[in-house]
Amino acid sequence: MTTTSATSATAATSASTAAQPAAGEETGAATALLVIDVQESFRQRESWQAASDPEVAVQVARLVDFARARGHLVVWVLHSEPGSGTVFDPANGHVRYIAPLAPAAGEPQLTKTSHNAFTTTNLQQILTERGIRSLITCGIRTEQCVETTTRLASDLGYRVTFVADATATEPISHPDAPAGRPLAEVLADPGTLLPADIIARTRYALAGRFATVTTVKELTGS
């Protein structure tokens, strides 16, 4: 009798655990992975040599595989600055995904001109039409387009999971520092904010306020 009750309790606990949504998911609602600005533009700049993770596309690819395996929607976002003459000007050919990333058939592809992925695209329309209420965010740069998108998504009522180690950023010069300095000078300046400090600040700012902050391993279980 006691053994049977214990077995039943264990089975009930296992069933309850199995029914719990993973991070980035919400019971009764669909989930989307937003891949934000993981594009060649950044690799063309000298500052990318000091990026937190120059191979961030590999981490993002793990999330894409995870999302597809679970039937989540994957939404691809690129940043464009037409007519700017910069690495973000589509005329220069760098506004394209970093290998090995590649959208699959039917996955939405959006091009934005704002920091967040909502304002200059129809992202919210796509999410609404698909019944999406939970988002997973990743990409470049940690504190800029990914964090800004995460904050806005939270304000719009989405349940957001921010995957910190599937984001990357670069050193940020002090606001009063001269523009256009060589990377060596930027890194030698004690006023420069380094990538590790930027990512730590973003984690503090988002966690418990705008998003659940996690890692690729914690989210995927591998």
Protein backbone atom coordinates (compact mmCIF):
# COMPACT_ATOMS: atom_id res chain seq x y z
CA MET A 1 0.00 0.00 0.00
CA THR A 2 2.74 2.40 1.01
CA THR A 3 4.85 1.37 -2.01
CA THR A 4 1.92 1.91 -4.37
CA SER A 5 1.22 5.37 -2.94
CA ALA A 6 4.86 6.35 -3.21
CA THR A 7 5.00 5.13 -6.81
CA SER A 8 1.84 7.06 -7.67
CA ALA A 9 3.21 10.20 -6.05
CA THR A 10 6.48 9.88 -7.98
CA ALA A 11 4.60 9.41 -11.26
CA ALA A 12 2.41 12.42 -10.53
CA THR A 13 5.47 14.55 -9.74
CA SER A 14 7.21 13.43 -12.94
CA ALA A 15 4.11 14.20 -15.01
CA SER A 16 3.82 17.63 -13.40
CA THR A 17 7.49 18.38 -14.07
CA ALA A 18 7.23 17.25 -17.68
CA ALA A 19 4.25 19.52 -18.18
CA GLN A 20 6.12 22.62 -17.06
CA PRO A 21 7.16 24.96 -19.91
CA ALA A 22 10.86 25.46 -20.53
CA ALA A 23 12.41 28.90 -20.13
CA GLY A 24 11.18 31.13 -22.91
CA GLU A 25 7.87 29.28 -23.15
CA GLU A 26 4.46 29.93 -21.66
CA THR A 27 1.66 27.43 -21.17
CA GLY A 28 -1.00 27.87 -23.84
CA ALA A 29 1.03 30.33 -25.88
CA ALA A 30 3.40 29.94 -28.80
CA THR A 31 7.06 30.98 -28.63
CA ALA A 32 9.29 32.79 -31.11
CA LEU A 33 13.07 33.11 -31.26
CA LEU A 34 14.21 36.56 -32.42
CA VAL A 35 17.64 36.48 -34.08
CA ILE A 36 18.69 40.12 -34.03
CA ASP A 37 21.40 41.65 -36.24
CA VAL A 38 23.79 38.69 -36.40
CA GLN A 39 25.19 40.15 -39.59
CA GLU A 40 28.44 40.61 -41.46
CA SER A 41 28.36 44.37 -40.92
CA PHE A 42 29.93 44.02 -37.48
CA ARG A 43 32.75 41.80 -38.74
CA GLN A 44 33.89 44.56 -41.08
CA ARG A 45 34.76 46.92 -38.22
CA GLU A 46 38.07 46.98 -36.39
CA SER A 47 36.20 46.97 -33.07
CA TRP A 48 34.95 43.45 -33.79
CA GLN A 49 38.46 42.21 -32.95
CA ALA A 50 37.65 43.04 -29.32
CA ALA A 51 34.10 41.68 -29.36
CA SER A 52 32.92 39.63 -26.40
CA ASP A 53 32.38 36.62 -28.67
CA PRO A 54 33.47 36.92 -32.31
CA GLU A 55 31.96 33.46 -32.91
CA VAL A 56 28.55 34.35 -31.46
CA ALA A 57 26.85 33.00 -34.60
CA VAL A 58 27.71 29.48 -33.43
CA GLN A 59 25.84 30.02 -30.16
CA VAL A 60 22.91 31.55 -32.00
CA ALA A 61 22.84 28.57 -34.37
CA ARG A 62 22.38 26.28 -31.34
CA LEU A 63 19.35 28.32 -30.34
CA VAL A 64 17.95 28.16 -33.87
CA ASP A 65 18.28 24.36 -33.88
CA PHE A 66 16.61 24.21 -30.46
CA ALA A 67 13.75 26.47 -31.54
CA ARG A 68 13.07 24.57 -34.74
CA ALA A 69 13.14 21.22 -32.92
CA ARG A 70 10.46 22.48 -30.54
CA GLY A 71 8.31 23.94 -33.29
CA HIS A 72 8.98 27.55 -32.30
CA LEU A 73 8.82 30.32 -34.86
CA VAL A 74 12.25 31.74 -35.79
CA VAL A 75 12.22 35.40 -36.83
CA TRP A 76 15.29 36.88 -38.50
CA VAL A 77 16.13 40.57 -38.16
CA LEU A 78 18.82 42.59 -39.92
CA HIS A 79 19.80 46.23 -39.36
CA SER A 80 20.06 48.54 -42.35
CA GLU A 81 21.08 52.18 -42.81
CA PRO A 82 20.43 52.94 -46.50
CA GLY A 83 22.49 55.75 -47.99
CA SER A 84 24.81 55.98 -44.98
CA GLY A 85 27.87 54.63 -46.78
CA THR A 86 28.68 52.57 -43.67
CA VAL A 87 28.92 48.82 -43.18
CA PHE A 88 25.17 48.94 -42.48
CA ASP A 89 24.42 50.42 -45.89
CA PRO A 90 22.93 47.54 -47.92
CA ALA A 91 24.70 48.90 -51.00
CA ASN A 92 28.01 47.72 -49.50
CA GLY A 93 26.89 44.08 -49.29
CA HIS A 94 27.42 43.41 -45.58
CA VAL A 95 23.78 43.41 -44.43
CA ARG A 96 23.59 39.61 -44.51
CA TYR A 97 23.67 36.81 -41.96
CA ILE A 98 26.93 35.49 -40.53
CA ALA A 99 27.56 31.85 -41.48
CA PRO A 100 26.42 29.25 -40.54
CA LEU A 101 23.14 31.10 -39.97
CA ALA A 102 20.50 30.82 -42.69
CA PRO A 103 16.72 31.19 -42.53
CA ALA A 104 14.61 28.19 -43.43
CA ALA A 105 11.68 28.38 -45.82
CA GLY A 106 8.75 30.19 -44.27
CA GLU A 107 10.71 31.87 -41.46
CA PRO A 108 10.04 35.63 -41.44
CA GLN A 109 12.91 37.91 -42.40
CA LEU A 110 12.73 41.56 -41.37
CA THR A 111 14.97 44.56 -41.97
CA LYS A 112 14.87 47.36 -39.42
CA THR A 113 16.26 50.89 -39.32
CA SER A 114 15.69 51.48 -35.58
CA HIS A 115 17.49 50.02 -32.60
CA ASN A 116 14.58 47.81 -31.56
CA ALA A 117 13.08 45.19 -33.85
CA PHE A 118 9.50 46.45 -33.54
CA THR A 119 9.33 50.14 -34.48
CA THR A 120 10.23 50.04 -38.17
CA THR A 121 8.99 46.53 -39.02
CA ASN A 122 5.75 44.53 -38.89
CA LEU A 123 7.17 42.24 -36.20
CA GLN A 124 4.29 42.75 -33.79
CA GLN A 125 1.76 41.95 -36.54
CA ILE A 126 3.58 38.69 -37.31
CA LEU A 127 3.69 37.71 -33.64
CA THR A 128 0.03 38.58 -33.11
CA GLU A 129 -1.12 36.62 -36.16
CA ARG A 130 0.84 33.58 -34.94
CA GLY A 131 -0.47 33.82 -31.38
CA ILE A 132 3.04 34.37 -30.00
CA ARG A 133 3.20 35.47 -26.36
CA SER A 134 6.70 34.28 -25.38
CA LEU A 135 9.94 35.48 -26.96
CA ILE A 136 13.56 34.38 -26.82
CA THR A 137 16.03 37.13 -27.73
CA CYS A 138 19.64 36.88 -28.90
CA GLY A 139 22.04 38.63 -31.27
CA ILE A 140 24.24 41.72 -31.65
CA ARG A 141 24.74 44.04 -29.79
CA THR A 142 23.97 42.94 -26.25
CA GLU A 143 23.16 46.34 -24.76
CA GLN A 144 21.88 48.00 -27.88
CA CYS A 145 19.50 46.30 -30.31
CA VAL A 146 18.99 43.09 -28.30
CA GLU A 147 18.43 44.79 -24.95
CA THR A 148 16.24 47.50 -26.50
CA THR A 149 14.09 44.91 -28.26
CA THR A 150 13.82 42.92 -25.03
CA ARG A 151 12.69 45.94 -23.03
CA LEU A 152 10.08 46.97 -25.58
CA ALA A 153 8.80 43.40 -25.93
CA SER A 154 8.33 43.23 -22.18
CA ASP A 155 6.42 46.52 -22.17
CA LEU A 156 4.19 45.13 -24.93
CA GLY A 157 3.27 42.23 -22.68
CA TYR A 158 5.47 39.45 -24.03
CA ARG A 159 7.19 37.00 -21.69
CA VAL A 160 10.83 37.39 -22.69
CA THR A 161 13.88 35.18 -22.20
CA PHE A 162 17.21 36.91 -22.89
CA VAL A 163 20.02 34.46 -23.71
CA ALA A 164 23.10 36.35 -22.56
CA ASP A 165 25.83 34.16 -24.05
CA ALA A 166 24.06 34.15 -27.42
CA THR A 167 24.65 37.90 -27.61
CA ALA A 168 27.83 39.82 -28.33
CA THR A 169 29.05 43.37 -28.01
CA GLU A 170 32.13 45.55 -28.47
CA PRO A 171 34.00 48.09 -26.32
CA ILE A 172 32.21 51.42 -25.87
CA SER A 173 34.28 54.59 -25.67
CA HIS A 174 33.63 57.19 -23.02
CA PRO A 175 31.02 59.71 -24.29
CA ASP A 176 33.58 62.53 -24.19
CA ALA A 177 36.28 60.58 -26.06
CA PRO A 178 37.18 61.64 -29.62
CA ALA A 179 35.40 59.71 -32.35
CA GLY A 180 37.23 57.53 -34.85
CA ARG A 181 40.14 56.48 -32.64
CA PRO A 182 42.07 53.27 -33.49
CA LEU A 183 41.00 50.24 -31.48
CA ALA A 184 44.30 50.17 -29.57
CA GLU A 185 43.64 53.68 -28.22
CA VAL A 186 40.07 52.78 -27.30
CA LEU A 187 41.21 49.73 -25.35
CA ALA A 188 44.02 51.66 -23.62
CA ASP A 189 41.61 54.35 -22.41
CA PRO A 190 40.56 53.68 -18.77
CA GLY A 191 37.25 55.38 -19.58
CA THR A 192 36.31 52.69 -22.09
CA LEU A 193 33.53 50.32 -21.07
CA LEU A 194 34.67 46.77 -21.87
CA PRO A 195 32.38 44.01 -23.21
CA ALA A 196 32.35 41.94 -20.01
CA ASP A 197 31.18 44.97 -18.03
CA ILE A 198 28.55 45.84 -20.65
CA ILE A 199 27.09 42.33 -20.56
CA ALA A 200 27.08 42.31 -16.76
CA ARG A 201 25.23 45.64 -16.70
CA THR A 202 22.65 44.36 -19.17
CA ARG A 203 22.05 41.23 -17.08
CA TYR A 204 21.45 43.41 -14.00
CA ALA A 205 19.15 45.75 -15.90
CA LEU A 206 16.98 43.05 -17.49
CA ALA A 207 16.78 40.26 -14.90
CA GLY A 208 13.59 40.30 -12.88
CA ARG A 209 12.37 43.45 -14.61
CA PHE A 210 12.14 42.89 -18.33
CA ALA A 211 13.20 39.29 -18.89
CA THR A 212 14.41 35.98 -17.60
CA VAL A 213 18.17 36.04 -18.21
CA THR A 214 19.67 32.65 -19.07
CA THR A 215 22.38 30.87 -21.08
CA VAL A 216 22.27 28.61 -24.10
CA LYS A 217 23.08 25.58 -21.96
CA GLU A 218 20.43 26.40 -19.36
CA LEU A 219 17.79 26.95 -22.03
CA THR A 220 18.55 23.99 -24.28
CA GLY A 221 19.77 21.56 -21.62
CA SER A 222 22.89 20.79 -23.64
